C-alpha atoms as a PDB file:
ATOM      1  CA  MET A   1     -63.742  11.766  25.479  1.00  0.00           C
ATOM      2  CA  THR A   2     -60.907  12.891  28.324  1.00  0.00           C
ATOM      3  CA  VAL A   3     -58.697  10.300  27.431  1.00  0.00           C
ATOM      4  CA  ALA A   4     -59.031  11.119  24.115  1.00  0.00           C
ATOM      5  CA  VAL A   5     -58.003  14.562  24.866  1.00  0.00           C
ATOM      6  CA  GLU A   6     -55.389  13.488  26.930  1.00  0.00           C
ATOM      7  CA  GLY A   7     -53.901  11.176  24.291  1.00  0.00           C
ATOM      8  CA  GLY A   8     -54.138  13.630  22.008  1.00  0.00           C
ATOM      9  CA  ALA A   9     -51.978  16.236  24.273  1.00  0.00           C
ATOM     10  CA  ALA A  10     -49.345  13.562  25.437  1.00  0.00           C
ATOM     11  CA  ALA A  11     -48.908  13.030  21.796  1.00  0.00           C
ATOM     12  CA  LYS A  12     -48.332  16.885  21.013  1.00  0.00           C
ATOM     13  CA  SER A  13     -46.584  16.841  23.949  1.00  0.00           C
ATOM     14  CA  ARG A  14     -43.657  14.242  22.731  1.00  0.00           C
ATOM     15  CA  GLY A  15     -43.845  15.742  19.284  1.00  0.00           C
ATOM     16  CA  ALA A  16     -42.681  19.124  20.266  1.00  0.00           C
ATOM     17  CA  GLN A  17     -40.224  17.629  22.310  1.00  0.00           C
ATOM     18  CA  GLY A  18     -38.917  15.445  19.479  1.00  0.00           C
ATOM     19  CA  PRO A  19     -36.881  18.173  17.715  1.00  0.00           C
ATOM     20  CA  ARG A  20     -36.046  19.507  21.316  1.00  0.00           C
ATOM     21  CA  ASN A  21     -34.102  15.757  21.300  1.00  0.00           C
ATOM     22  CA  GLY A  22     -33.489  15.475  17.910  1.00  0.00           C
ATOM     23  CA  PRO A  23     -29.335  14.985  16.982  1.00  0.00           C
ATOM     24  CA  PHE A  24     -28.441  18.262  16.570  1.00  0.00           C
ATOM     25  CA  GLU A  25     -30.075  19.897  19.588  1.00  0.00           C
ATOM     26  CA  ARG A  26     -27.975  16.973  21.540  1.00  0.00           C
ATOM     27  CA  LEU A  27     -24.906  18.508  19.511  1.00  0.00           C
ATOM     28  CA  ARG A  28     -26.134  22.128  20.636  1.00  0.00           C
ATOM     29  CA  ARG A  29     -26.292  21.272  24.127  1.00  0.00           C
ATOM     30  CA  SER A  30     -22.895  19.468  24.233  1.00  0.00           C
ATOM     31  CA  TYR A  31     -21.102  22.203  22.046  1.00  0.00           C
ATOM     32  CA  GLN A  32     -22.593  24.780  25.290  1.00  0.00           C
ATOM     33  CA  LYS A  33     -21.929  22.280  27.274  1.00  0.00           C
ATOM     34  CA  HIS A  34     -17.727  21.665  26.329  1.00  0.00           C
ATOM     35  CA  TRP A  35     -17.081  24.292  24.098  1.00  0.00           C
ATOM     36  CA  TYR A  36     -13.784  24.815  25.890  1.00  0.00           C
ATOM     37  CA  ALA A  37     -12.739  20.639  24.859  1.00  0.00           C
ATOM     38  CA  TYR A  38     -13.956  21.311  21.235  1.00  0.00           C
ATOM     39  CA  VAL A  39     -12.018  24.630  21.559  1.00  0.00           C
ATOM     40  CA  MET A  40      -9.098  22.850  22.591  1.00  0.00           C
ATOM     41  CA  ILE A  41      -9.188  19.825  19.944  1.00  0.00           C
ATOM     42  CA  ALA A  42      -9.792  21.970  17.122  1.00  0.00           C
ATOM     43  CA  PRO A  43      -6.292  22.439  15.820  1.00  0.00           C
ATOM     44  CA  VAL A  44      -5.512  18.787  16.164  1.00  0.00           C
ATOM     45  CA  VAL A  45      -8.488  17.990  14.003  1.00  0.00           C
ATOM     46  CA  VAL A  46      -7.578  20.439  11.339  1.00  0.00           C
ATOM     47  CA  VAL A  47      -3.769  19.286  11.263  1.00  0.00           C
ATOM     48  CA  LEU A  48      -4.534  15.790  10.650  1.00  0.00           C
ATOM     49  CA  GLY A  49      -7.193  17.035   8.222  1.00  0.00           C
ATOM     50  CA  VAL A  50      -4.551  18.732   6.214  1.00  0.00           C
ATOM     51  CA  LEU A  51      -1.715  15.948   6.800  1.00  0.00           C
ATOM     52  CA  VAL A  52      -3.724  13.027   6.684  1.00  0.00           C
ATOM     53  CA  GLY A  53      -7.568  13.842   5.193  1.00  0.00           C
ATOM     54  CA  TYR A  54      -6.492  15.249   2.287  1.00  0.00           C
ATOM     55  CA  PRO A  55      -3.762  13.037   1.125  1.00  0.00           C
ATOM     56  CA  LEU A  56      -6.311  10.099   1.872  1.00  0.00           C
ATOM     57  CA  ILE A  57      -9.112  11.241  -0.101  1.00  0.00           C
ATOM     58  CA  GLN A  58      -6.378  12.571  -2.757  1.00  0.00           C
ATOM     59  CA  GLY A  59      -5.105   8.731  -2.766  1.00  0.00           C
ATOM     60  CA  LEU A  60      -8.465   7.307  -3.271  1.00  0.00           C
ATOM     61  CA  TYR A  61      -9.019   9.699  -6.408  1.00  0.00           C
ATOM     62  CA  LEU A  62      -5.517   8.703  -8.270  1.00  0.00           C
ATOM     63  CA  THR A  63      -6.802   4.738  -7.186  1.00  0.00           C
ATOM     64  CA  LEU A  64      -9.443   5.602  -9.370  1.00  0.00           C
ATOM     65  CA  THR A  65      -7.150   7.167 -12.593  1.00  0.00           C
ATOM     66  CA  ASP A  66      -4.313   5.903 -14.790  1.00  0.00           C
ATOM     67  CA  ALA A  67      -2.070   8.578 -13.159  1.00  0.00           C
ATOM     68  CA  ASN A  68       1.504   8.417 -14.041  1.00  0.00           C
ATOM     69  CA  SER A  69       4.819  10.565 -14.016  1.00  0.00           C
ATOM     70  CA  LEU A  70       3.998  10.759 -17.994  1.00  0.00           C
ATOM     71  CA  ASN A  71       0.350  12.023 -17.610  1.00  0.00           C
ATOM     72  CA  SER A  72       0.573  13.757 -14.705  1.00  0.00           C
ATOM     73  CA  SER A  73       0.568  17.697 -14.129  1.00  0.00           C
ATOM     74  CA  ARG A  74       4.225  18.953 -14.260  1.00  0.00           C
ATOM     75  CA  THR A  75       6.394  22.026 -14.430  1.00  0.00           C
ATOM     76  CA  ILE A  76       9.554  22.037 -16.643  1.00  0.00           C
ATOM     77  CA  GLY A  77      11.006  25.591 -16.349  1.00  0.00           C
ATOM     78  CA  VAL A  78       8.326  28.237 -17.640  1.00  0.00           C
ATOM     79  CA  ASN A  79       6.745  25.586 -19.267  1.00  0.00           C
ATOM     80  CA  HIS A  80       3.599  23.970 -17.175  1.00  0.00           C
ATOM     81  CA  ILE A  81       1.958  20.699 -18.748  1.00  0.00           C
ATOM     82  CA  ASP A  82      -1.543  19.671 -17.558  1.00  0.00           C
ATOM     83  CA  ALA A  83      -2.340  16.295 -16.642  1.00  0.00           C
ATOM     84  CA  THR A  84      -3.940  14.148 -19.231  1.00  0.00           C
ATOM     85  CA  TYR A  85      -4.885  11.266 -16.693  1.00  0.00           C
ATOM     86  CA  HIS A  86      -7.909   9.489 -17.287  1.00  0.00           C
ATOM     87  CA  PHE A  87     -11.108   8.145 -15.288  1.00  0.00           C
ATOM     88  CA  ILE A  88     -10.805   4.568 -14.907  1.00  0.00           C
ATOM     89  CA  GLY A  89     -12.835   3.078 -11.930  1.00  0.00           C
ATOM     90  CA  PHE A  90     -11.685  -0.053 -10.411  1.00  0.00           C
ATOM     91  CA  GLY A  91      -9.321  -0.674 -13.171  1.00  0.00           C
ATOM     92  CA  ASN A  92      -6.261  -0.389 -10.979  1.00  0.00           C
ATOM     93  CA  TYR A  93      -7.355  -3.136  -8.455  1.00  0.00           C
ATOM     94  CA  ALA A  94      -9.028  -5.396 -10.897  1.00  0.00           C
ATOM     95  CA  ASP A  95      -5.299  -5.683 -12.042  1.00  0.00           C
ATOM     96  CA  ILE A  96      -3.868  -5.866  -9.131  1.00  0.00           C
ATOM     97  CA  LEU A  97      -5.922  -8.642  -8.008  1.00  0.00           C
ATOM     98  CA  TRP A  98      -6.984 -10.741 -11.134  1.00  0.00           C
ATOM     99  CA  GLY A  99      -4.688  -9.269 -13.802  1.00  0.00           C
ATOM    100  CA  PRO A 100      -1.959 -11.285 -15.603  1.00  0.00           C
ATOM    101  CA  THR A 101       0.864 -10.161 -13.750  1.00  0.00           C
ATOM    102  CA  SER A 102      -1.048 -10.386 -10.488  1.00  0.00           C
ATOM    103  CA  TRP A 103       1.290 -13.211  -8.542  1.00  0.00           C
ATOM    104  CA  ASP A 104       4.203 -11.169  -9.784  1.00  0.00           C
ATOM    105  CA  ARG A 105       2.739  -7.851  -8.573  1.00  0.00           C
ATOM    106  CA  PHE A 106       0.679  -8.571  -5.719  1.00  0.00           C
ATOM    107  CA  TRP A 107      -0.092 -12.182  -4.468  1.00  0.00           C
ATOM    108  CA  SER A 108       3.988 -13.413  -4.079  1.00  0.00           C
ATOM    109  CA  HIS A 109       4.561 -10.197  -2.168  1.00  0.00           C
ATOM    110  CA  PHE A 110       1.027 -10.495   0.106  1.00  0.00           C
ATOM    111  CA  ILE A 111       2.138 -14.112   1.358  1.00  0.00           C
ATOM    112  CA  TRP A 112       5.892 -12.667   1.375  1.00  0.00           C
ATOM    113  CA  THR A 113       4.559  -9.999   3.691  1.00  0.00           C
ATOM    114  CA  ILE A 114       2.291 -11.943   5.814  1.00  0.00           C
ATOM    115  CA  PHE A 115       4.802 -14.850   6.896  1.00  0.00           C
ATOM    116  CA  TRP A 116       7.474 -12.011   7.531  1.00  0.00           C
ATOM    117  CA  THR A 117       4.660 -10.414  10.206  1.00  0.00           C
ATOM    118  CA  PHE A 118       3.669 -13.741  11.795  1.00  0.00           C
ATOM    119  CA  ALA A 119       7.359 -14.885  12.124  1.00  0.00           C
ATOM    120  CA  CYS A 120       8.447 -11.565  13.543  1.00  0.00           C
ATOM    121  CA  VAL A 121       5.797 -10.650  15.418  1.00  0.00           C
ATOM    122  CA  VAL A 122       6.020 -14.261  17.478  1.00  0.00           C
ATOM    123  CA  LEU A 123       9.632 -14.039  17.667  1.00  0.00           C
ATOM    124  CA  HIS A 124       9.120 -10.273  18.986  1.00  0.00           C
ATOM    125  CA  TYR A 125       6.774 -11.153  21.744  1.00  0.00           C
ATOM    126  CA  THR A 126       8.362 -14.683  22.853  1.00  0.00           C
ATOM    127  CA  LEU A 127      11.063 -12.577  23.123  1.00  0.00           C
ATOM    128  CA  GLY A 128      10.432 -10.508  24.783  1.00  0.00           C
ATOM    129  CA  LEU A 129       8.420 -12.159  27.214  1.00  0.00           C
ATOM    130  CA  ALA A 130      11.422 -14.758  28.232  1.00  0.00           C
ATOM    131  CA  LEU A 131      13.551 -11.751  28.366  1.00  0.00           C
ATOM    132  CA  ALA A 132      11.011  -9.584  30.654  1.00  0.00           C
ATOM    133  CA  LEU A 133      10.194 -12.622  33.339  1.00  0.00           C
ATOM    134  CA  LEU A 134      14.202 -12.426  33.805  1.00  0.00           C
ATOM    135  CA  LEU A 135      14.295  -9.103  34.093  1.00  0.00           C
ATOM    136  CA  ASN A 136      11.231  -8.813  36.552  1.00  0.00           C
ATOM    137  CA  GLU A 137      13.061 -11.810  38.886  1.00  0.00           C
ATOM    138  CA  LYS A 138      15.591 -10.333  41.431  1.00  0.00           C
ATOM    139  CA  LEU A 139      18.958 -10.269  40.223  1.00  0.00           C
ATOM    140  CA  ARG A 140      22.228  -9.016  40.699  1.00  0.00           C
ATOM    141  CA  GLY A 141      23.049  -5.865  38.076  1.00  0.00           C
ATOM    142  CA  ARG A 142      19.040  -5.909  36.677  1.00  0.00           C
ATOM    143  CA  THR A 143      19.347  -2.169  36.228  1.00  0.00           C
ATOM    144  CA  PHE A 144      22.049  -2.310  33.938  1.00  0.00           C
ATOM    145  CA  TYR A 145      20.116  -5.559  31.902  1.00  0.00           C
ATOM    146  CA  ARG A 146      17.366  -3.323  31.488  1.00  0.00           C
ATOM    147  CA  MET A 147      19.166  -0.670  30.283  1.00  0.00           C
ATOM    148  CA  MET A 148      21.456  -3.066  27.869  1.00  0.00           C
ATOM    149  CA  LEU A 149      18.349  -4.368  26.516  1.00  0.00           C
ATOM    150  CA  ILE A 150      16.141  -1.356  25.840  1.00  0.00           C
ATOM    151  CA  LEU A 151      19.061   0.555  24.204  1.00  0.00           C
ATOM    152  CA  PRO A 152      18.250  -0.828  20.802  1.00  0.00           C
ATOM    153  CA  TRP A 153      14.593   0.946  21.083  1.00  0.00           C
ATOM    154  CA  ALA A 154      16.713   3.937  21.806  1.00  0.00           C
ATOM    155  CA  VAL A 155      18.823   3.632  18.849  1.00  0.00           C
ATOM    156  CA  PRO A 156      17.181   5.492  15.477  1.00  0.00           C
ATOM    157  CA  THR A 157      16.204   2.842  12.953  1.00  0.00           C
ATOM    158  CA  PHE A 158      18.369   3.846  10.315  1.00  0.00           C
ATOM    159  CA  VAL A 159      21.782   3.491  12.387  1.00  0.00           C
ATOM    160  CA  THR A 160      20.434   0.169  13.530  1.00  0.00           C
ATOM    161  CA  VAL A 161      19.968  -1.190  10.244  1.00  0.00           C
ATOM    162  CA  PHE A 162      23.241   0.307   8.933  1.00  0.00           C
ATOM    163  CA  SER A 163      25.122  -1.231  11.361  1.00  0.00           C
ATOM    164  CA  TRP A 164      23.699  -4.598  10.199  1.00  0.00           C
ATOM    165  CA  ARG A 165      24.223  -3.593   6.882  1.00  0.00           C
ATOM    166  CA  ILE A 166      27.852  -3.730   7.550  1.00  0.00           C
ATOM    167  CA  MET A 167      27.820  -6.720   9.715  1.00  0.00           C
ATOM    168  CA  LEU A 168      25.999  -8.955   7.360  1.00  0.00           C
ATOM    169  CA  SER A 169      28.225  -7.570   3.782  1.00  0.00           C
ATOM    170  CA  ASP A 170      30.385 -10.457   2.826  1.00  0.00           C
ATOM    171  CA  SER A 171      33.077  -9.669   4.597  1.00  0.00           C
ATOM    172  CA  GLY A 172      31.184  -8.253   7.701  1.00  0.00           C
ATOM    173  CA  VAL A 173      32.137  -9.295  11.190  1.00  0.00           C
ATOM    174  CA  ILE A 174      29.312 -12.170  11.278  1.00  0.00           C
ATOM    175  CA  ASN A 175      30.597 -13.951   8.339  1.00  0.00           C
ATOM    176  CA  SER A 176      34.536 -13.149   9.569  1.00  0.00           C
ATOM    177  CA  VAL A 177      33.250 -14.987  12.985  1.00  0.00           C
ATOM    178  CA  LEU A 178      31.484 -18.239  10.801  1.00  0.00           C
ATOM    179  CA  GLY A 179      34.697 -18.569   9.113  1.00  0.00           C
ATOM    180  CA  GLY A 180      37.017 -17.987  11.754  1.00  0.00           C
ATOM    181  CA  LEU A 181      34.028 -21.079  13.214  1.00  0.00           C
ATOM    182  CA  HIS A 182      35.029 -23.302   9.788  1.00  0.00           C
ATOM    183  CA  LEU A 183      30.959 -22.162   9.165  1.00  0.00           C
ATOM    184  CA  PRO A 184      29.415 -21.739   5.789  1.00  0.00           C
ATOM    185  CA  GLN A 185      29.355 -18.059   5.033  1.00  0.00           C
ATOM    186  CA  PRO A 186      25.899 -17.103   3.967  1.00  0.00           C
ATOM    187  CA  GLN A 187      25.296 -14.331   1.256  1.00  0.00           C
ATOM    188  CA  TRP A 188      22.809 -12.088   3.114  1.00  0.00           C
ATOM    189  CA  LEU A 189      22.532  -8.993   1.023  1.00  0.00           C
ATOM    190  CA  GLU A 190      22.436 -11.202  -2.269  1.00  0.00           C
ATOM    191  CA  ASP A 191      20.846 -14.771  -1.742  1.00  0.00           C
ATOM    192  CA  THR A 192      16.700 -14.522  -1.617  1.00  0.00           C
ATOM    193  CA  THR A 193      16.565 -16.926   1.352  1.00  0.00           C
ATOM    194  CA  PHE A 194      18.860 -15.270   3.870  1.00  0.00           C
ATOM    195  CA  GLN A 195      17.694 -11.817   2.649  1.00  0.00           C
ATOM    196  CA  ARG A 196      14.295 -12.874   4.330  1.00  0.00           C
ATOM    197  CA  THR A 197      16.243 -14.476   7.335  1.00  0.00           C
ATOM    198  CA  ALA A 198      18.456 -11.445   7.842  1.00  0.00           C
ATOM    199  CA  ALA A 199      14.884  -9.077   7.221  1.00  0.00           C
ATOM    200  CA  ILE A 200      13.484 -10.833  10.026  1.00  0.00           C
ATOM    201  CA  MET A 201      16.717 -11.171  12.416  1.00  0.00           C
ATOM    202  CA  VAL A 202      17.267  -7.061  12.547  1.00  0.00           C
ATOM    203  CA  ASN A 203      13.323  -6.372  12.574  1.00  0.00           C
ATOM    204  CA  THR A 204      13.330  -8.696  15.457  1.00  0.00           C
ATOM    205  CA  TRP A 205      16.144  -7.060  17.030  1.00  0.00           C
ATOM    206  CA  CYS A 206      14.456  -3.627  16.551  1.00  0.00           C
ATOM    207  CA  GLY A 207      11.032  -4.714  18.169  1.00  0.00           C
ATOM    208  CA  VAL A 208      11.899  -6.685  21.203  1.00  0.00           C
ATOM    209  CA  PRO A 209      12.856  -4.002  23.332  1.00  0.00           C
ATOM    210  CA  PHE A 210       8.914  -2.543  22.836  1.00  0.00           C
ATOM    211  CA  MET A 211       7.718  -5.913  23.491  1.00  0.00           C
ATOM    212  CA  ILE A 212      10.055  -6.350  26.670  1.00  0.00           C
ATOM    213  CA  VAL A 213       9.246  -2.667  28.586  1.00  0.00           C
ATOM    214  CA  SER A 214       5.285  -3.248  27.897  1.00  0.00           C
ATOM    215  CA  LEU A 215       5.123  -6.813  29.451  1.00  0.00           C
ATOM    216  CA  LEU A 216       7.789  -5.919  31.606  1.00  0.00           C
ATOM    217  CA  GLY A 217       5.048  -3.366  32.932  1.00  0.00           C
ATOM    218  CA  GLY A 218       2.182  -6.221  32.823  1.00  0.00           C
ATOM    219  CA  LEU A 219       3.848  -8.583  34.689  1.00  0.00           C
ATOM    220  CA  GLN A 220       4.510  -5.714  37.847  1.00  0.00           C
ATOM    221  CA  SER A 221       0.985  -4.810  37.511  1.00  0.00           C
ATOM    222  CA  ILE A 222       0.289  -8.506  38.717  1.00  0.00           C
ATOM    223  CA  PRO A 223      -0.586  -8.731  42.428  1.00  0.00           C
ATOM    224  CA  GLY A 224       1.857 -11.430  44.481  1.00  0.00           C
ATOM    225  CA  GLU A 225      -1.148 -12.394  46.554  1.00  0.00           C
ATOM    226  CA  LEU A 226      -1.979 -14.349  43.441  1.00  0.00           C
ATOM    227  CA  TYR A 227       1.230 -16.331  43.419  1.00  0.00           C
ATOM    228  CA  GLU A 228       1.392 -16.670  46.903  1.00  0.00           C
ATOM    229  CA  ALA A 229      -1.980 -18.505  47.017  1.00  0.00           C
ATOM    230  CA  ALA A 230      -1.099 -20.329  44.039  1.00  0.00           C
ATOM    231  CA  GLU A 231       1.937 -21.523  45.469  1.00  0.00           C
ATOM    232  CA  MET A 232       0.573 -22.588  48.654  1.00  0.00           C
ATOM    233  CA  ASP A 233      -2.085 -24.288  46.956  1.00  0.00           C
ATOM    234  CA  GLY A 234       0.791 -26.683  45.153  1.00  0.00           C
ATOM    235  CA  ALA A 235       1.245 -25.237  41.817  1.00  0.00           C
ATOM    236  CA  ASN A 236       4.945 -25.619  40.327  1.00  0.00           C
ATOM    237  CA  ALA A 237       6.352 -23.081  37.759  1.00  0.00           C
ATOM    238  CA  TRP A 238       4.819 -23.914  34.608  1.00  0.00           C
ATOM    239  CA  GLN A 239       1.503 -24.170  36.373  1.00  0.00           C
ATOM    240  CA  ARG A 240       1.778 -20.692  37.787  1.00  0.00           C
ATOM    241  CA  PHE A 241       2.860 -19.010  34.612  1.00  0.00           C
ATOM    242  CA  ARG A 242      -0.371 -20.475  32.424  1.00  0.00           C
ATOM    243  CA  ASN A 243      -2.798 -20.002  35.514  1.00  0.00           C
ATOM    244  CA  VAL A 244      -1.522 -16.846  36.816  1.00  0.00           C
ATOM    245  CA  THR A 245       1.069 -14.829  34.868  1.00  0.00           C
ATOM    246  CA  LEU A 246      -0.435 -15.251  31.248  1.00  0.00           C
ATOM    247  CA  PRO A 247      -4.366 -14.394  31.982  1.00  0.00           C
ATOM    248  CA  GLY A 248      -2.816 -11.300  34.067  1.00  0.00           C
ATOM    249  CA  LEU A 249      -0.911 -10.431  30.623  1.00  0.00           C
ATOM    250  CA  ARG A 250      -3.986 -10.808  28.995  1.00  0.00           C
ATOM    251  CA  SER A 251      -4.737  -7.268  27.955  1.00  0.00           C
ATOM    252  CA  VAL A 252      -1.149  -6.197  27.732  1.00  0.00           C
ATOM    253  CA  SER A 253      -0.639  -8.849  25.200  1.00  0.00           C
ATOM    254  CA  SER A 254      -3.770  -8.383  22.886  1.00  0.00           C
ATOM    255  CA  THR A 255      -2.417  -4.688  22.476  1.00  0.00           C
ATOM    256  CA  VAL A 256       1.041  -5.285  22.016  1.00  0.00           C
ATOM    257  CA  VAL A 257       0.263  -8.053  19.527  1.00  0.00           C
ATOM    258  CA  LEU A 258      -2.040  -6.030  17.590  1.00  0.00           C
ATOM    259  CA  LEU A 259       0.488  -2.797  17.743  1.00  0.00           C
ATOM    260  CA  GLY A 260       3.113  -5.238  16.491  1.00  0.00           C
ATOM    261  CA  VAL A 261       1.298  -6.459  13.860  1.00  0.00           C
ATOM    262  CA  ILE A 262       0.061  -2.971  12.595  1.00  0.00           C
ATOM    263  CA  TRP A 263       3.651  -1.755  12.814  1.00  0.00           C
ATOM    264  CA  THR A 264       5.615  -4.869  11.409  1.00  0.00           C
ATOM    265  CA  PHE A 265       2.875  -5.124   8.208  1.00  0.00           C
ATOM    266  CA  ASN A 266       3.728  -1.443   7.185  1.00  0.00           C
ATOM    267  CA  GLN A 267       7.967  -1.689   8.080  1.00  0.00           C
ATOM    268  CA  PHE A 268       9.013  -0.086   5.925  1.00  0.00           C
ATOM    269  CA  ALA A 269      12.396   1.517   6.911  1.00  0.00           C
ATOM    270  CA  ILE A 270      14.334  -1.990   7.406  1.00  0.00           C
ATOM    271  CA  ILE A 271      13.569  -3.700   4.327  1.00  0.00           C
ATOM    272  CA  TYR A 272      14.338  -0.353   2.212  1.00  0.00           C
ATOM    273  CA  LEU A 273      17.499   0.543   4.123  1.00  0.00           C
ATOM    274  CA  LEU A 274      18.650  -3.288   3.905  1.00  0.00           C
ATOM    275  CA  PHE A 275      17.891  -4.075   0.377  1.00  0.00           C
ATOM    276  CA  GLY A 276      16.795  -0.999  -1.835  1.00  0.00           C
ATOM    277  CA  SER A 277      14.590  -1.661  -4.564  1.00  0.00           C
ATOM    278  CA  ASN A 278      17.352  -4.736  -5.825  1.00  0.00           C
ATOM    279  CA  ALA A 279      15.901  -7.545  -4.101  1.00  0.00           C
ATOM    280  CA  PRO A 280      12.418  -7.562  -5.424  1.00  0.00           C
ATOM    281  CA  ASP A 281      11.398 -11.150  -3.718  1.00  0.00           C
ATOM    282  CA  VAL A 282      12.707  -9.240  -0.453  1.00  0.00           C
ATOM    283  CA  GLN A 283      10.125  -6.461  -0.818  1.00  0.00           C
ATOM    284  CA  ILE A 284       6.851  -6.498   1.177  1.00  0.00           C
ATOM    285  CA  LEU A 285       3.633  -4.632   0.287  1.00  0.00           C
ATOM    286  CA  VAL A 286       4.548  -0.811   1.780  1.00  0.00           C
ATOM    287  CA  THR A 287       7.913  -0.950   0.071  1.00  0.00           C
ATOM    288  CA  TRP A 288       6.469  -2.593  -3.225  1.00  0.00           C
ATOM    289  CA  ALA A 289       3.915   0.182  -3.266  1.00  0.00           C
ATOM    290  CA  TYR A 290       6.493   2.687  -3.247  1.00  0.00           C
ATOM    291  CA  TYR A 291       8.833   1.003  -5.869  1.00  0.00           C
ATOM    292  CA  LEU A 292       5.836   1.406  -8.430  1.00  0.00           C
ATOM    293  CA  GLY A 293       5.350   4.984  -7.154  1.00  0.00           C
ATOM    294  CA  PHE A 294       8.909   6.189  -7.144  1.00  0.00           C
ATOM    295  CA  GLY A 295      11.531   3.730  -7.634  1.00  0.00           C
ATOM    296  CA  GLN A 296      10.879   2.638 -11.270  1.00  0.00           C
ATOM    297  CA  GLN A 297      10.449   4.887 -14.662  1.00  0.00           C
ATOM    298  CA  PRO A 298       7.304   5.794 -15.424  1.00  0.00           C
ATOM    299  CA  ARG A 299       6.250   6.484 -11.829  1.00  0.00           C
ATOM    300  CA  ASP A 300       3.074   4.508 -11.608  1.00  0.00           C
ATOM    301  CA  PHE A 301       1.185   6.914  -9.040  1.00  0.00           C
ATOM    302  CA  ALA A 302      -2.584   5.388  -9.217  1.00  0.00           C
ATOM    303  CA  GLN A 303      -1.217   1.714  -8.638  1.00  0.00           C
ATOM    304  CA  SER A 304       0.979   3.249  -5.950  1.00  0.00           C
ATOM    305  CA  ALA A 305      -2.045   4.511  -4.294  1.00  0.00           C
ATOM    306  CA  ALA A 306      -4.188   1.193  -5.220  1.00  0.00           C
ATOM    307  CA  TYR A 307      -1.747  -0.549  -2.683  1.00  0.00           C
ATOM    308  CA  GLY A 308      -1.550   1.631  -0.587  1.00  0.00           C
ATOM    309  CA  VAL A 309      -5.386   1.533  -0.054  1.00  0.00           C
ATOM    310  CA  LEU A 310      -5.553  -2.382   0.016  1.00  0.00           C
ATOM    311  CA  LEU A 311      -3.004  -1.945   2.749  1.00  0.00           C
ATOM    312  CA  LEU A 312      -5.416  -0.240   4.787  1.00  0.00           C
ATOM    313  CA  ALA A 313      -8.322  -2.443   4.243  1.00  0.00           C
ATOM    314  CA  ILE A 314      -6.459  -5.699   4.912  1.00  0.00           C
ATOM    315  CA  LEU A 315      -5.171  -4.145   8.549  1.00  0.00           C
ATOM    316  CA  ILE A 316      -9.173  -2.551   8.940  1.00  0.00           C
ATOM    317  CA  VAL A 317     -10.449  -6.093   8.011  1.00  0.00           C
ATOM    318  CA  PHE A 318      -7.734  -7.959  10.493  1.00  0.00           C
ATOM    319  CA  THR A 319      -8.284  -5.048  13.046  1.00  0.00           C
ATOM    320  CA  SER A 320     -11.953  -5.886  13.150  1.00  0.00           C
ATOM    321  CA  PHE A 321     -11.411  -9.706  13.440  1.00  0.00           C
ATOM    322  CA  TYR A 322      -8.850  -9.636  15.908  1.00  0.00           C
ATOM    323  CA  ARG A 323     -10.897  -7.626  18.483  1.00  0.00           C
ATOM    324  CA  ARG A 324     -13.901  -9.646  17.932  1.00  0.00           C
ATOM    325  CA  TRP A 325     -12.258 -13.014  18.730  1.00  0.00           C
ATOM    326  CA  LEU A 326     -10.403 -11.052  21.892  1.00  0.00           C
ATOM    327  CA  ALA A 327     -13.912  -9.978  22.970  1.00  0.00           C
ATOM    328  CA  ARG A 328     -15.617 -13.992  22.399  1.00  0.00           C
ATOM    329  CA  ASN A 329     -12.345 -15.094  24.255  1.00  0.00           C
ATOM    330  CA  GLU A 330     -13.031 -12.966  27.388  1.00  0.00           C
ATOM    331  CA  GLN A 331     -16.650 -13.709  27.469  1.00  0.00           C
ATOM    332  CA  LEU A 332     -15.898 -16.967  27.171  1.00  0.00           C
ATOM    333  CA  ALA A 333     -13.182 -16.834  30.013  1.00  0.00           C
ATOM    334  CA  GLY A 334     -15.412 -14.435  31.896  1.00  0.00           C
END
């Protein structure tokens, strides 16, 4: 009888304590303890909600309609025309991915976007690491070289792209130098193959300085004792690079590669400012989405918004797999 009474009392005690330890009670205690932090971040949350949250929700809704510039609400003078577009569910996604023109409107741009991202990030990282290794050495004029190599990152993107556009024109300095060497003078801004080559060149020029700065910081954080120990064990330069430098840069490399993929995948400015809307075969997904929504008539708001959602989904999936792959490799290495 005593055991039963004690068991019932314990159960009642746990039941009484259950609501107190519930999520709302924990949230209330957290707010009472950290109310100042919540007050400080509230303006940021509100601003992000207005600038990011509302457009995202509105864009998601537009993807489920057939909205375009002809059936959206608009005001002409004193006359207001109400919206007449309709809810069509996932029709836009089906048309983009499996429709009769899906290859020309999505898959060809998707393949080029993947190649463009891969090529640019590989060049960014390879050249950035090589130059960071060079700048990490004790050489004369190192400060000057660092400043000159980081300078392209400080110049506004539109200034850099317009400068390259002038240099890549038929009578620009690049073709003038090639002509002086009796070499072929490509049509950098007209031929599809050379347009893609030019786009990768310009994006590499803009992206390498970020890699240099990040990887140089990572190199300087590697203890010098590790190199001294490896050298005493008879390791040559390549072995020191493979067994000391690369493992020491693992955390920095994983971060900058992820950021490079996201930034390059969504690199609107370089493609658009270099070629505009006159080069359909060079458009990556983000510039193609802009063209559908603002560069053609009638402007297809629903399809443009659907491209934006697909871009977000692709990057979320890639980021998830990339982080899992890094975590698995770290477990194996550990």
